[in-house]
Structures are given as C-alpha cells and as structure tokens.
Amino acid sequence: MQTDNARPPTVTPSMAHGVRVTPRLPDFAFHDGDVPEAWFDGDVGITAAWNGLSVIAGVGEALFVASGRWLLARIDDPAVADETARFMQQEAIHAAVHARLNKLLAARGLPVEETRRYVEDLLSEAERRGGHSVLMALGLAGEQAVGELAHAVLASPASMDGAAPAPRALYLWHWYEEVEHQAALHDGWTWVHGQGPDATALRALGAVYAVAILGAAWPATTWAMVPAGARGARWRLATWRPLARQMFGDDGLLSGAGRNLRSLLRADFHPFDMHDPAPVLERFRDAVVRAEWEVPAKEAKPHGPVETVVPRVGPRDAARAVGFMGWVLRRTARYLAAVA
C-alpha cells in the first residue's frame, strides 16, 4: 500500500491511456412490442444465453460494487479512489438497467427470481468456503472475464446485428463501459494488495472460483431461459449449434475468454496488456453512448492508510476450492430441477 504523503499526483493507467471512467444512465425501456420472445435473430438458444447473462449481470454487478466499496475504504490516493468510485457507480447503474429487461423476462414467465437466488447462493458459498478475500479476488477475476467478452463484442460488432434494437443498445452500452473501466477494479485492488507472490496467488485462487461459477452458471441459466412454449428445444442439438458458433466458432466471442484469467497468474499482469482500450472507445463513442446520459460522479474521499494483510494461499485453500466445485455442481443440479 502506498503511504507517502509527499508523493506526486497519481496518474492511473486509465488516465495514461486517455480514458475517463464516466457514469451514465441511459433511458432504455423494454416492452413486449420492442423485444420479441426470441429477440436475437429469432433464435431461441442465443436469446436464452443473453437473457441468462442479463440476470447473472444483476447479481455480478452487486459483487463488483461490493469489491469496489471494500477497496475504497483502504485506498489513500485521490486519483485511485475517484476511479474506483466511478467504477462502482457504473456497475450499480448496469445492475439497475438490466433489472428493467429482467422485469420483462419475469413477466413472460422466465425463471428470473430462481436464477437470481441460484447465482447469489454460488457467491455466498464461495465466501463461506474461501473467505472474504477470496470473494474479492473472485470479483476481480469476474470483472476481467466480462471485460474480455466486452472487447470481443466491440471488436466484432456484427456479432450483435441479429439482436432487436432495445437489447442490442443495452448490451453495446454495457460493453462499452466495461472496456472503459476494465482497469479500474484491478488498479484499486493492486493499490491495496500490491503485486507480490501472495497477491498473485490470491488472484489466481479467485480465478479458480470464478471459472467454477461462470462455467456452471451461464450454461445452466441459458438452458433455464428457454421459454415454456419451446421447452422441447432444450433437448435438440440444433437449438444450440448457432449459439456454439457465436461463442466458440472462428472469432467466437468466447474464443479468447481464458486469456485474461490465465494472465492473472503473472505478478505484473495488467488488463491493458491484453487490449488498448482507447481505439475501441474512440471508435464506438458516438455510436453507443450519448453525452446526455452522463450523470455527476459521486465524490470519493480517499481513506486509509488501512493495513491489509494479504492471506497466504496454501494446500487447504486449494482443497476448499475443489470442494466448492463439487458444491457448485450439486447446487446447479437443484436449480435445473427446479426450473425444468
């Protein structure tokens, strides 16, 4: 942790790249007439995947905000504190706007509430088994995974061309801001934890928990989000082929999903090693965000210094992570049985 009061003003990596994390509140609304049941190119499987992700996002954003809040109480630098607070504000707005779409999905009989409880249970159990530090590291890894997906979509915006205008606008705005703030949580986390061996091991452990959750939750929620009138499609391979191509085909959106998580193993890892955000943000600024959506950033007063002891990861932590994977599978089976 930095404690020298005489230090010069901090230039964060985002600032050095010309990136300003900017809270925005778009006026998106989602109505039956604007959002068909199979709103992504008439495809049941792809629509179910993006609907599932919308519900997961509502829970995941709450974790990202909690992670930022915990860090903010330990950050004693004005620039890093401001960027962390702006990140939290963006994520809170993401959750609120996704809730508008999720309300429509619930009104159509999709298991939104059951899905929300399921994902919340996964995060609660991760904290129970791994402790609060692991939960914060899980949030860090999850943020990197989401950022990688955001880069993939904006690098290939035609991948969203089949979406209805309202949800397409939602996701493109969301992904734009994920690129904009991708370094913010990492930089706050590093400010507090440093980049020593214990911090690196903790990041890696968080990534293990994140992979266990995302690897189970997104496929399970996708299966659950198939509408009642098309439940038979759940069991047909043809339902899932277009989704598999979108995610894992040539230049698929998840074809590089593991790169950021693997890179967390490096002591000197930084998200901008993977992508320079500036060209992407410049390219899409006028297309997916509007100046009138901008809202005042909440003031962030630096705190600290608060000494933070980075827990040492050992064999017992690895055993707990393995046990958590088994628990995730059992909880996922109960969820799928409940929404069948």
Protein backbone atom coordinates (compact mmCIF):
# COMPACT_ATOMS: atom_id res chain seq x y z
CA MET A 1 0.00 0.00 0.00
CA GLN A 2 1.22 3.50 -0.83
CA THR A 3 1.51 5.83 2.19
CA ASP A 4 3.90 8.65 1.25
CA ASN A 5 2.01 11.94 1.64
CA ALA A 6 4.67 13.78 -0.37
CA ARG A 7 4.20 11.69 -3.49
CA PRO A 8 3.30 13.46 -6.76
CA PRO A 9 -0.27 13.18 -8.09
CA THR A 10 -1.02 9.68 -9.31
CA VAL A 11 -1.57 9.05 -13.00
CA THR A 12 -3.59 5.84 -13.20
CA PRO A 13 -3.17 3.52 -16.21
CA SER A 14 -6.61 4.59 -17.45
CA MET A 15 -5.60 8.24 -17.26
CA ALA A 16 -2.36 7.46 -19.07
CA HIS A 17 -4.42 5.92 -21.90
CA GLY A 18 -6.70 8.95 -22.07
CA VAL A 19 -9.63 7.02 -20.57
CA ARG A 20 -12.04 8.70 -18.14
CA VAL A 21 -14.50 6.40 -16.39
CA THR A 22 -17.81 8.22 -16.85
CA PRO A 23 -21.07 7.23 -15.12
CA ARG A 24 -24.05 7.27 -17.50
CA LEU A 25 -27.74 6.49 -17.02
CA PRO A 26 -29.37 5.66 -20.36
CA ASP A 27 -33.13 5.89 -20.87
CA PHE A 28 -33.58 2.33 -22.18
CA ALA A 29 -37.02 0.80 -21.84
CA PHE A 30 -38.11 -2.73 -22.70
CA HIS A 31 -41.66 -3.53 -23.82
CA ASP A 32 -43.33 -6.55 -25.38
CA GLY A 33 -43.65 -4.82 -28.72
CA ASP A 34 -39.95 -3.92 -28.81
CA VAL A 35 -38.47 -7.18 -27.51
CA PRO A 36 -39.72 -10.34 -29.27
CA GLU A 37 -39.62 -13.56 -27.29
CA ALA A 38 -36.71 -14.77 -29.44
CA TRP A 39 -35.23 -11.30 -29.75
CA PHE A 40 -31.83 -12.38 -31.07
CA ASP A 41 -32.36 -13.15 -34.76
CA GLY A 42 -35.38 -15.30 -33.93
CA ASP A 43 -33.02 -17.85 -32.36
CA VAL A 44 -34.22 -19.48 -29.14
CA GLY A 45 -30.80 -20.68 -27.95
CA ILE A 46 -28.88 -17.44 -28.49
CA THR A 47 -31.69 -15.37 -26.97
CA ALA A 48 -31.73 -17.65 -23.91
CA ALA A 49 -27.98 -17.18 -23.44
CA TRP A 50 -28.19 -13.38 -23.49
CA ASN A 51 -31.27 -13.39 -21.26
CA GLY A 52 -29.44 -15.59 -18.78
CA LEU A 53 -26.46 -13.27 -18.86
CA SER A 54 -28.74 -10.32 -18.10
CA VAL A 55 -29.91 -11.98 -14.88
CA ILE A 56 -26.38 -13.05 -13.93
CA ALA A 57 -25.24 -9.47 -14.53
CA GLY A 58 -27.65 -8.13 -11.95
CA VAL A 59 -26.03 -10.29 -9.26
CA GLY A 60 -22.48 -9.98 -10.55
CA GLU A 61 -22.60 -6.19 -10.65
CA ALA A 62 -23.53 -6.19 -6.95
CA LEU A 63 -20.36 -8.18 -6.26
CA PHE A 64 -18.27 -5.74 -8.28
CA VAL A 65 -19.74 -2.81 -6.34
CA ALA A 66 -19.05 -4.57 -3.03
CA SER A 67 -15.49 -5.26 -4.13
CA GLY A 68 -15.00 -1.61 -5.03
CA ARG A 69 -16.52 -0.44 -1.73
CA TRP A 70 -14.18 -2.69 0.28
CA LEU A 71 -11.18 -1.38 -1.65
CA LEU A 72 -12.29 2.24 -1.42
CA ALA A 73 -12.15 2.08 2.37
CA ARG A 74 -8.46 1.16 2.04
CA ILE A 75 -7.33 3.48 -0.77
CA ASP A 76 -5.48 6.59 0.36
CA ASP A 77 -4.89 8.16 -3.07
CA PRO A 78 -7.37 10.68 -4.56
CA ALA A 79 -6.98 9.57 -8.20
CA VAL A 80 -7.26 5.85 -7.47
CA ALA A 81 -10.18 6.45 -5.10
CA ASP A 82 -12.01 8.56 -7.68
CA GLU A 83 -11.58 5.95 -10.39
CA THR A 84 -12.74 3.17 -8.07
CA ALA A 85 -15.84 5.15 -7.09
CA ARG A 86 -16.67 5.89 -10.74
CA PHE A 87 -16.33 2.17 -11.49
CA MET A 88 -18.76 1.37 -8.67
CA GLN A 89 -21.24 3.94 -9.95
CA GLN A 90 -21.14 2.49 -13.46
CA GLU A 91 -21.65 -1.04 -12.16
CA ALA A 92 -24.59 -0.02 -9.96
CA ILE A 93 -26.25 1.60 -12.98
CA HIS A 94 -25.62 -1.54 -15.06
CA ALA A 95 -27.50 -3.60 -12.49
CA ALA A 96 -30.39 -1.12 -12.43
CA VAL A 97 -30.76 -1.02 -16.22
CA HIS A 98 -30.53 -4.80 -16.60
CA ALA A 99 -33.28 -5.01 -13.98
CA ARG A 100 -35.60 -3.27 -16.49
CA LEU A 101 -35.04 -6.04 -19.03
CA ASN A 102 -35.22 -8.72 -16.35
CA LYS A 103 -38.63 -7.40 -15.25
CA LEU A 104 -39.94 -8.04 -18.75
CA LEU A 105 -38.41 -11.53 -18.79
CA ALA A 106 -40.04 -12.35 -15.44
CA ALA A 107 -43.41 -11.11 -16.71
CA ARG A 108 -43.08 -13.62 -19.55
CA GLY A 109 -42.72 -16.46 -17.06
CA LEU A 110 -38.97 -16.94 -17.29
CA PRO A 111 -37.31 -18.02 -14.00
CA VAL A 112 -35.64 -14.71 -13.20
CA GLU A 113 -36.09 -14.88 -9.43
CA GLU A 114 -34.99 -18.52 -9.21
CA THR A 115 -31.93 -17.69 -11.28
CA ARG A 116 -31.05 -14.70 -9.13
CA ARG A 117 -31.22 -16.81 -5.95
CA TYR A 118 -29.12 -19.54 -7.58
CA VAL A 119 -26.30 -17.15 -8.54
CA GLU A 120 -26.45 -15.43 -5.15
CA ASP A 121 -26.10 -18.84 -3.48
CA LEU A 122 -22.98 -19.56 -5.54
CA LEU A 123 -21.34 -16.33 -4.41
CA SER A 124 -22.40 -16.78 -0.78
CA GLU A 125 -20.94 -20.28 -0.69
CA ALA A 126 -17.71 -19.04 -2.27
CA GLU A 127 -17.34 -16.55 0.56
CA ARG A 128 -18.24 -19.13 3.20
CA ARG A 129 -15.60 -21.55 1.98
CA GLY A 130 -12.89 -19.20 0.81
CA GLY A 131 -13.38 -16.14 2.99
CA HIS A 132 -13.94 -12.51 2.12
CA SER A 133 -10.54 -12.06 0.46
CA VAL A 134 -11.28 -14.89 -1.96
CA LEU A 135 -14.69 -13.35 -2.73
CA MET A 136 -12.99 -10.05 -3.58
CA ALA A 137 -10.46 -11.88 -5.77
CA LEU A 138 -13.35 -13.73 -7.42
CA GLY A 139 -14.90 -10.35 -8.22
CA LEU A 140 -11.62 -9.19 -9.73
CA ALA A 141 -11.40 -12.29 -11.95
CA GLY A 142 -15.05 -11.98 -12.94
CA GLU A 143 -14.52 -8.38 -13.96
CA GLN A 144 -11.60 -9.40 -16.18
CA ALA A 145 -13.69 -12.13 -17.82
CA VAL A 146 -16.54 -9.70 -18.51
CA GLY A 147 -14.07 -7.17 -19.89
CA GLU A 148 -12.67 -9.73 -22.27
CA LEU A 149 -16.16 -10.52 -23.57
CA ALA A 150 -16.82 -6.79 -23.97
CA HIS A 151 -13.69 -6.39 -26.08
CA ALA A 152 -14.70 -9.38 -28.20
CA VAL A 153 -18.15 -7.91 -28.93
CA LEU A 154 -16.83 -4.45 -29.78
CA ALA A 155 -14.08 -5.92 -31.93
CA SER A 156 -16.79 -7.72 -33.90
CA PRO A 157 -19.94 -5.59 -33.55
CA ALA A 158 -21.62 -7.53 -36.36
CA SER A 159 -21.97 -10.34 -33.81
CA MET A 160 -24.84 -8.32 -32.29
CA ASP A 161 -26.52 -7.38 -35.58
CA GLY A 162 -29.23 -10.01 -35.14
CA ALA A 163 -30.42 -8.54 -31.84
CA ALA A 164 -33.57 -6.44 -31.51
CA PRO A 165 -32.69 -2.74 -31.18
CA ALA A 166 -33.55 -2.33 -27.48
CA PRO A 167 -31.49 -5.20 -26.01
CA ARG A 168 -28.75 -4.59 -28.58
CA ALA A 169 -28.42 -1.00 -27.36
CA LEU A 170 -28.34 -2.24 -23.76
CA TYR A 171 -25.52 -4.67 -24.34
CA LEU A 172 -23.42 -2.38 -26.53
CA TRP A 173 -23.63 0.41 -23.91
CA HIS A 174 -22.79 -2.09 -21.19
CA TRP A 175 -19.81 -3.50 -23.09
CA TYR A 176 -18.54 -0.02 -23.92
CA GLU A 177 -18.43 0.86 -20.23
CA GLU A 178 -16.84 -2.48 -19.34
CA VAL A 179 -13.99 -1.58 -21.69
CA GLU A 180 -13.89 1.93 -20.26
CA HIS A 181 -13.48 0.77 -16.68
CA GLN A 182 -11.73 -2.56 -17.16
CA ALA A 183 -8.59 -1.41 -15.36
CA ALA A 184 -10.35 0.38 -12.51
CA LEU A 185 -11.06 -2.53 -10.17
CA HIS A 186 -7.68 -4.08 -10.95
CA ASP A 187 -5.83 -0.86 -10.15
CA GLY A 188 -7.71 -0.37 -6.90
CA TRP A 189 -7.12 -3.98 -5.95
CA THR A 190 -3.40 -3.70 -6.73
CA TRP A 191 -3.11 -0.45 -4.80
CA VAL A 192 -4.39 -2.25 -1.70
CA HIS A 193 -2.83 -5.71 -2.17
CA GLY A 194 0.31 -4.99 -4.15
CA GLN A 195 1.72 -7.42 -6.70
CA GLY A 196 3.76 -9.73 -4.51
CA PRO A 197 3.63 -13.54 -4.60
CA ASP A 198 0.77 -13.76 -2.09
CA ALA A 199 -1.33 -11.25 -4.03
CA THR A 200 -0.67 -13.13 -7.26
CA ALA A 201 -1.65 -16.44 -5.66
CA LEU A 202 -4.83 -14.84 -4.29
CA ARG A 203 -5.73 -13.52 -7.75
CA ALA A 204 -5.21 -17.00 -9.18
CA LEU A 205 -7.39 -18.57 -6.48
CA GLY A 206 -10.11 -16.04 -7.20
CA ALA A 207 -9.93 -17.00 -10.87
CA VAL A 208 -10.47 -20.68 -9.96
CA TYR A 209 -13.65 -19.78 -8.08
CA ALA A 210 -14.78 -17.50 -10.91
CA VAL A 211 -14.31 -20.23 -13.53
CA ALA A 212 -16.23 -22.70 -11.35
CA ILE A 213 -19.17 -20.30 -11.11
CA LEU A 214 -19.22 -18.98 -14.67
CA GLY A 215 -18.60 -22.41 -16.16
CA ALA A 216 -21.72 -23.74 -14.45
CA ALA A 217 -23.98 -20.72 -14.15
CA TRP A 218 -24.08 -19.38 -17.68
CA PRO A 219 -24.83 -22.75 -19.37
CA ALA A 220 -27.37 -23.61 -16.67
CA THR A 221 -29.17 -20.28 -16.86
CA THR A 222 -29.16 -20.45 -20.66
CA TRP A 223 -30.93 -23.81 -20.51
CA ALA A 224 -33.38 -22.43 -17.95
CA MET A 225 -34.22 -19.34 -20.02
CA VAL A 226 -35.71 -21.26 -22.93
CA PRO A 227 -39.37 -20.14 -22.97
CA ALA A 228 -42.08 -22.53 -21.83
CA GLY A 229 -43.52 -22.80 -25.31
CA ALA A 230 -40.19 -24.03 -26.64
CA ARG A 231 -39.10 -26.31 -23.79
CA GLY A 232 -38.72 -29.23 -26.18
CA ALA A 233 -35.97 -27.26 -27.92
CA ARG A 234 -33.80 -27.66 -24.83
CA TRP A 235 -33.08 -31.25 -25.82
CA ARG A 236 -32.32 -30.70 -29.50
CA LEU A 237 -28.73 -30.24 -30.59
CA ALA A 238 -29.88 -27.97 -33.41
CA THR A 239 -31.06 -25.44 -30.79
CA TRP A 240 -27.54 -24.90 -29.52
CA ARG A 241 -25.46 -25.02 -32.71
CA PRO A 242 -25.90 -21.31 -33.58
CA LEU A 243 -25.01 -20.34 -30.02
CA ALA A 244 -21.93 -22.56 -30.10
CA ARG A 245 -20.82 -20.88 -33.33
CA GLN A 246 -21.40 -17.40 -31.90
CA MET A 247 -19.40 -18.15 -28.79
CA PHE A 248 -16.76 -20.68 -29.86
CA GLY A 249 -16.56 -20.61 -33.67
CA ASP A 250 -13.94 -18.81 -35.70
CA ASP A 251 -13.57 -15.44 -33.97
CA GLY A 252 -16.21 -16.57 -31.47
CA LEU A 253 -16.96 -14.21 -28.61
CA LEU A 254 -15.54 -16.63 -26.02
CA SER A 255 -12.68 -17.95 -28.13
CA GLY A 256 -10.23 -15.81 -26.14
CA ALA A 257 -12.10 -15.84 -22.84
CA GLY A 258 -9.38 -17.63 -20.93
CA ARG A 259 -6.59 -15.24 -21.85
CA ASN A 260 -7.27 -12.65 -19.18
CA LEU A 261 -7.81 -15.28 -16.48
CA ARG A 262 -4.61 -17.13 -17.37
CA SER A 263 -2.73 -13.85 -17.34
CA LEU A 264 -3.78 -13.25 -13.75
CA LEU A 265 -1.06 -15.74 -12.85
CA ARG A 266 1.57 -13.17 -13.85
CA ALA A 267 2.76 -10.96 -10.99
CA ASP A 268 2.90 -7.94 -13.31
CA PHE A 269 -0.46 -8.56 -15.01
CA HIS A 270 -2.48 -5.56 -16.10
CA PRO A 271 -5.68 -5.61 -18.22
CA PHE A 272 -4.20 -3.17 -20.71
CA ASP A 273 -1.56 -5.77 -21.56
CA MET A 274 -4.38 -7.60 -23.32
CA HIS A 275 -6.07 -4.68 -25.07
CA ASP A 276 -5.52 -0.96 -25.52
CA PRO A 277 -8.96 0.49 -24.67
CA ALA A 278 -8.50 3.87 -26.34
CA PRO A 279 -9.04 2.85 -30.01
CA VAL A 280 -12.16 0.83 -29.17
CA LEU A 281 -13.67 3.63 -27.10
CA GLU A 282 -12.91 6.22 -29.74
CA ARG A 283 -14.48 4.07 -32.44
CA PHE A 284 -17.76 3.49 -30.61
CA ARG A 285 -18.17 6.63 -28.51
CA ASP A 286 -20.69 8.32 -30.80
CA ALA A 287 -22.42 5.07 -31.73
CA VAL A 288 -23.34 3.51 -28.38
CA VAL A 289 -23.19 6.22 -25.68
CA ARG A 290 -24.63 9.71 -25.51
CA ALA A 291 -23.44 12.80 -23.70
CA GLU A 292 -26.92 13.41 -22.28
CA TRP A 293 -26.74 10.10 -20.39
CA GLU A 294 -23.84 11.32 -18.28
CA VAL A 295 -24.57 11.82 -14.58
CA PRO A 296 -22.43 13.54 -11.97
CA ALA A 297 -19.77 11.33 -10.47
CA LYS A 298 -20.14 10.82 -6.75
CA GLU A 299 -17.37 12.33 -4.68
CA ALA A 300 -14.85 9.80 -3.40
CA LYS A 301 -12.76 10.81 -0.43
CA PRO A 302 -9.57 8.79 -0.05
CA HIS A 303 -9.32 6.77 3.14
CA GLY A 304 -6.52 4.94 4.85
CA PRO A 305 -3.93 4.07 5.24
CA VAL A 306 -5.53 0.82 6.40
CA GLU A 307 -3.10 -2.04 6.68
CA THR A 308 -4.27 -5.01 4.65
CA VAL A 309 -2.67 -8.38 5.22
CA VAL A 310 -2.79 -10.45 2.06
CA PRO A 311 -3.64 -14.02 3.08
CA ARG A 312 -1.21 -16.70 2.05
CA VAL A 313 -2.72 -19.32 -0.24
CA GLY A 314 -1.88 -22.88 0.68
CA PRO A 315 -2.99 -26.50 0.18
CA ARG A 316 -6.00 -26.06 2.43
CA ASP A 317 -7.27 -23.26 0.18
CA ALA A 318 -6.82 -25.46 -2.88
CA ALA A 319 -8.77 -28.25 -1.19
CA ARG A 320 -11.58 -25.84 -0.34
CA ALA A 321 -11.69 -24.69 -3.97
CA VAL A 322 -12.04 -28.29 -5.14
CA GLY A 323 -14.81 -28.84 -2.62
CA PHE A 324 -16.50 -25.70 -3.85
CA MET A 325 -16.52 -27.05 -7.41
CA GLY A 326 -18.39 -30.12 -6.24
CA TRP A 327 -20.86 -27.98 -4.31
CA VAL A 328 -21.46 -25.82 -7.40
CA LEU A 329 -22.38 -28.90 -9.42
CA ARG A 330 -24.83 -30.07 -6.76
CA ARG A 331 -26.44 -26.63 -6.40
CA THR A 332 -26.67 -26.33 -10.20
CA ALA A 333 -28.43 -29.70 -10.39
CA ARG A 334 -31.01 -28.50 -7.83
CA TYR A 335 -31.51 -25.29 -9.80
CA LEU A 336 -32.04 -27.13 -13.07
CA ALA A 337 -34.50 -29.49 -11.44
CA ALA A 338 -36.44 -26.53 -10.03
CA VAL A 339 -36.73 -24.77 -13.38
CA ALA A 340 -37.33 -27.85 -15.55
